[in-house]
Amino acid sequence: MLHPILALIDAPIVIGILIVGALLFGGIERLPKLARSAGQAKKEFMMGQIEADEATARAREEARARVEAQRADVMQNVEAGSVAGEAVPPPTPGKGTQA
């Protein structure tokens, strides 16, 4: 006889019963504190998320700047005589290196 009654009780009903019980037996005084602490936790989480996003954006920008600096300095880093003892000719504007 007890089995059909237990079959009708599911998770939302149990959660509702627990909430009503907490409200009736002393949870009313604690609800504002609970709500306040939940709000503080959410605020701190959001601030941490914003800081992490800013740090990620800075790291990406620094990496992008390093890559661009390396690409820009390709011809400036070539030293004369660095290829098998031969002199490397300077670049000709608009035509590349001299043949």
Protein backbone atom coordinates (compact mmCIF):
# COMPACT_ATOMS: atom_id res chain seq x y z
CA MET A 1 0.00 0.00 0.00
CA LEU A 2 2.92 2.37 0.59
CA HIS A 3 4.51 1.70 -2.79
CA PRO A 4 1.95 3.58 -5.03
CA ILE A 5 2.26 6.68 -2.84
CA LEU A 6 6.05 6.72 -3.19
CA ALA A 7 5.70 6.37 -6.96
CA LEU A 8 3.84 9.71 -7.11
CA ILE A 9 6.52 11.64 -5.20
CA ASP A 10 9.26 12.97 -7.48
CA ALA A 11 12.10 15.53 -7.14
CA PRO A 12 10.11 18.79 -7.61
CA ILE A 13 7.60 17.74 -4.97
CA VAL A 14 10.36 16.86 -2.49
CA ILE A 15 12.13 20.17 -3.15
CA GLY A 16 8.86 22.06 -2.64
CA ILE A 17 8.22 20.29 0.65
CA LEU A 18 11.74 21.13 1.86
CA ILE A 19 11.35 24.81 0.94
CA VAL A 20 7.99 25.07 2.70
CA GLY A 21 9.45 23.34 5.76
CA ALA A 22 12.43 25.71 5.83
CA LEU A 23 10.14 28.73 5.62
CA LEU A 24 7.88 27.46 8.39
CA PHE A 25 10.58 26.34 10.81
CA GLY A 26 13.03 29.22 11.08
CA GLY A 27 14.28 29.82 7.55
CA ILE A 28 12.47 33.15 7.30
CA GLU A 29 15.07 35.03 9.37
CA ARG A 30 17.91 33.56 7.34
CA LEU A 31 16.49 34.22 3.87
CA PRO A 32 17.69 37.84 3.59
CA LYS A 33 21.20 36.80 4.65
CA LEU A 34 21.14 33.92 2.20
CA ALA A 35 19.96 36.17 -0.63
CA ARG A 36 22.59 38.79 0.24
CA SER A 37 25.40 36.23 0.31
CA ALA A 38 24.20 34.73 -2.99
CA GLY A 39 24.25 38.21 -4.54
CA GLN A 40 27.76 38.86 -3.22
CA ALA A 41 28.96 35.52 -4.58
CA LYS A 42 27.49 36.30 -8.00
CA LYS A 43 29.06 39.77 -8.00
CA GLU A 44 32.50 38.37 -7.08
CA PHE A 45 32.18 35.69 -9.75
CA MET A 46 31.30 38.26 -12.41
CA MET A 47 34.21 40.52 -11.37
CA GLY A 48 36.59 37.55 -11.58
CA GLN A 49 35.20 36.69 -15.01
CA ILE A 50 35.76 40.26 -16.22
CA GLU A 51 39.33 40.27 -14.88
CA ALA A 52 40.05 36.93 -16.59
CA ASP A 53 38.63 38.23 -19.88
CA GLU A 54 40.79 41.37 -19.66
CA ALA A 55 43.91 39.33 -18.90
CA THR A 56 43.19 37.06 -21.86
CA ALA A 57 42.70 40.03 -24.18
CA ARG A 58 45.99 41.58 -22.99
CA ALA A 59 47.86 38.30 -23.51
CA ARG A 60 46.43 37.94 -27.03
CA GLU A 61 47.37 41.51 -27.91
CA GLU A 62 50.92 41.06 -26.57
CA ALA A 63 51.34 37.82 -28.54
CA ARG A 64 50.01 39.50 -31.69
CA ALA A 65 52.44 42.41 -31.21
CA ARG A 66 55.38 39.99 -30.73
CA VAL A 67 54.51 38.12 -33.93
CA GLU A 68 54.18 41.36 -35.90
CA ALA A 69 57.52 42.61 -34.52
CA GLN A 70 59.23 39.37 -35.54
CA ARG A 71 57.76 39.56 -39.05
CA ALA A 72 58.76 43.22 -39.44
CA ASP A 73 62.38 42.60 -38.41
CA VAL A 74 63.14 39.82 -40.90
CA MET A 75 65.40 41.94 -43.15
CA GLN A 76 66.86 43.92 -40.27
CA ASN A 77 68.11 40.72 -38.63
CA VAL A 78 70.02 39.54 -41.74
CA GLU A 79 73.74 40.17 -41.37
CA ALA A 80 76.10 40.64 -44.30
CA GLY A 81 77.97 37.44 -45.10
CA SER A 82 75.58 35.25 -43.14
CA VAL A 83 74.72 32.91 -46.04
CA ALA A 84 77.71 30.63 -46.68
CA GLY A 85 80.14 33.51 -46.40
CA GLU A 86 78.50 35.51 -49.18
CA ALA A 87 77.36 39.09 -48.75
CA VAL A 88 73.61 39.61 -48.73
CA PRO A 89 72.61 42.53 -50.97
CA PRO A 90 70.30 45.16 -49.52
CA PRO A 91 66.68 45.14 -50.67
CA THR A 92 65.74 47.28 -53.64
CA PRO A 93 62.57 49.32 -53.04
CA GLY A 94 59.68 47.79 -54.94
CA LYS A 95 61.75 44.98 -56.49
CA GLY A 96 62.99 42.88 -53.57
CA THR A 97 66.67 41.95 -53.38
CA GLN A 98 69.18 42.50 -56.16
CA ALA A 99 70.12 39.48 -58.25
